Protein backbone atom coordinates (compact mmCIF):
# COMPACT_ATOMS: atom_id res chain seq x y z
CA MET A 1 34.31 -31.25 -26.20
CA ILE A 2 33.15 -27.51 -25.38
CA HIS A 3 32.09 -25.23 -27.72
CA ARG A 4 31.74 -21.63 -27.96
CA ARG A 5 27.83 -21.61 -28.23
CA ASP A 6 27.19 -23.73 -24.62
CA LEU A 7 29.86 -21.07 -23.19
CA VAL A 8 28.02 -18.52 -24.53
CA SER A 9 24.72 -19.88 -23.58
CA ALA A 10 25.88 -20.87 -19.98
CA ALA A 11 27.08 -17.18 -19.61
CA ALA A 12 23.77 -15.97 -20.89
CA GLY A 13 22.13 -17.91 -17.87
CA ALA A 14 24.03 -17.43 -15.37
CA ILE A 15 24.02 -13.46 -15.53
CA ALA A 16 20.81 -13.26 -15.78
CA THR A 17 19.96 -15.82 -12.37
CA LEU A 18 22.57 -13.25 -11.34
CA SER A 19 20.71 -9.91 -12.41
CA VAL A 20 17.12 -11.55 -11.09
CA VAL A 21 18.68 -12.15 -7.62
CA ALA A 22 20.41 -8.94 -7.80
CA ILE A 23 17.37 -6.72 -7.93
CA ALA A 24 15.13 -8.52 -6.16
CA GLN A 25 18.07 -8.43 -3.38
CA SER A 26 18.54 -4.72 -4.16
CA ASP A 27 15.21 -2.96 -3.40
CA PRO A 28 15.37 -3.60 0.26
CA LYS A 29 12.28 -0.18 0.13
CA LEU A 30 9.83 -3.42 -0.46
CA MET A 31 7.39 -4.00 1.94
CA ARG A 32 7.05 -7.95 2.88
CA SER A 33 4.68 -9.88 4.93
CA GLU A 34 4.58 -7.33 8.75
CA VAL A 35 2.03 -7.53 11.35
CA PHE A 36 1.26 -4.01 12.65
CA ASP A 37 1.02 -2.90 15.95
CA TRP A 38 -1.82 -0.22 16.21
CA ASN A 39 -0.21 1.71 19.45
CA ASP A 40 3.21 2.03 16.94
CA ALA A 41 1.99 4.01 14.24
CA PRO A 42 2.50 7.99 14.54
CA VAL A 43 -0.33 9.60 14.91
CA LYS A 44 -1.27 13.10 13.72
CA HIS A 45 -3.32 15.02 14.68
CA GLU A 46 -5.53 17.66 13.35
CA GLU A 47 -7.93 19.97 13.45
CA VAL A 48 -10.52 17.92 12.77
CA ARG A 49 -9.34 13.74 12.42
CA THR A 50 -7.20 11.78 13.82
CA VAL A 51 -4.35 9.84 11.28
CA ARG A 52 -2.62 6.76 11.72
CA GLN A 53 -0.20 5.65 9.03
CA PHE A 54 0.74 2.30 9.29
CA PHE A 55 2.63 1.91 5.42
CA GLN A 56 2.78 3.08 2.39
CA ALA A 57 5.38 1.67 0.53
CA PRO A 58 6.12 -0.43 -3.08
CA THR A 59 5.31 -4.70 -3.00
CA ALA A 60 6.49 -7.34 -4.78
CA THR A 61 3.91 -6.62 -6.88
CA LEU A 62 1.51 -3.32 -6.31
CA ALA A 63 3.87 0.10 -6.86
CA GLU A 64 2.25 1.96 -3.65
CA LEU A 65 0.35 -0.60 -1.36
CA GLU A 66 -0.90 2.62 1.95
CA LEU A 67 -3.46 2.11 4.88
CA HIS A 68 -3.55 4.79 7.39
CA VAL A 69 -6.97 5.03 9.88
CA THR A 70 -8.57 8.36 10.30
CA THR A 71 -10.33 8.48 13.47
CA LEU A 72 -13.95 11.62 12.57
CA LYS A 73 -14.70 13.11 15.46
CA PRO A 74 -19.17 13.22 14.95
CA GLY A 75 -20.57 15.57 12.69
CA ASP A 76 -17.28 16.17 10.87
CA THR A 77 -15.88 15.47 7.86
CA SER A 78 -11.95 15.04 6.87
CA HIS A 79 -12.28 17.13 3.41
CA ALA A 80 -14.32 17.40 0.37
CA PRO A 81 -15.45 14.48 -1.86
CA HIS A 82 -13.19 13.79 -4.61
CA ARG A 83 -11.87 10.71 -6.41
CA HIS A 84 -8.69 8.53 -6.21
CA GLU A 85 -6.72 7.17 -9.76
CA ASN A 86 -6.16 3.96 -7.73
CA GLU A 87 -8.23 1.62 -5.56
CA GLU A 88 -9.48 2.75 -1.98
CA LEU A 89 -11.23 0.69 0.16
CA VAL A 90 -12.78 2.01 3.55
CA ILE A 91 -13.62 -0.26 6.39
CA ILE A 92 -16.30 1.74 9.11
CA LYS A 93 -15.14 0.78 13.55
CA GLU A 94 -18.71 2.40 14.64
CA GLY A 95 -20.98 4.73 13.54
CA THR A 96 -22.36 5.69 10.01
CA VAL A 97 -19.82 7.84 7.26
CA GLU A 98 -21.40 9.34 4.15
CA ALA A 99 -19.14 8.04 1.76
CA PHE A 100 -19.40 9.36 -1.83
CA SER A 101 -18.40 6.50 -4.60
CA ASN A 102 -19.08 6.21 -8.16
CA ASP A 103 -20.80 9.96 -8.18
CA LYS A 104 -23.16 8.54 -5.19
CA THR A 105 -23.06 9.49 -1.36
CA LYS A 106 -23.81 7.02 0.58
CA VAL A 107 -24.49 6.21 4.40
CA VAL A 108 -22.39 3.87 5.13
CA GLY A 109 -22.12 1.29 8.43
CA PRO A 110 -20.00 -1.21 10.45
CA GLY A 111 -18.50 -3.66 8.92
């Protein structure tokens, strides 16, 4: 015999399952695993730098993940020292850069 509480439990479980599936499928803007081609990244030429913007989007675990590549001419600076609220990773391909981090300026090279 099926009891009312069994029906309520089954209905609650079905609603919870459908809600999770709907939420997972409802945000097409969530970035998934992807491979990016350097030549496909939009390029923005500015006075002292060139910027290639690869992505800036929410992921399944982050509110936002962003990747851009900035190319500077020797002796130029992209902007004044400042702080980021969130984490920032800088990778130097070639040359050296004066980087400001944790209230210190440090010269770093490739790697």
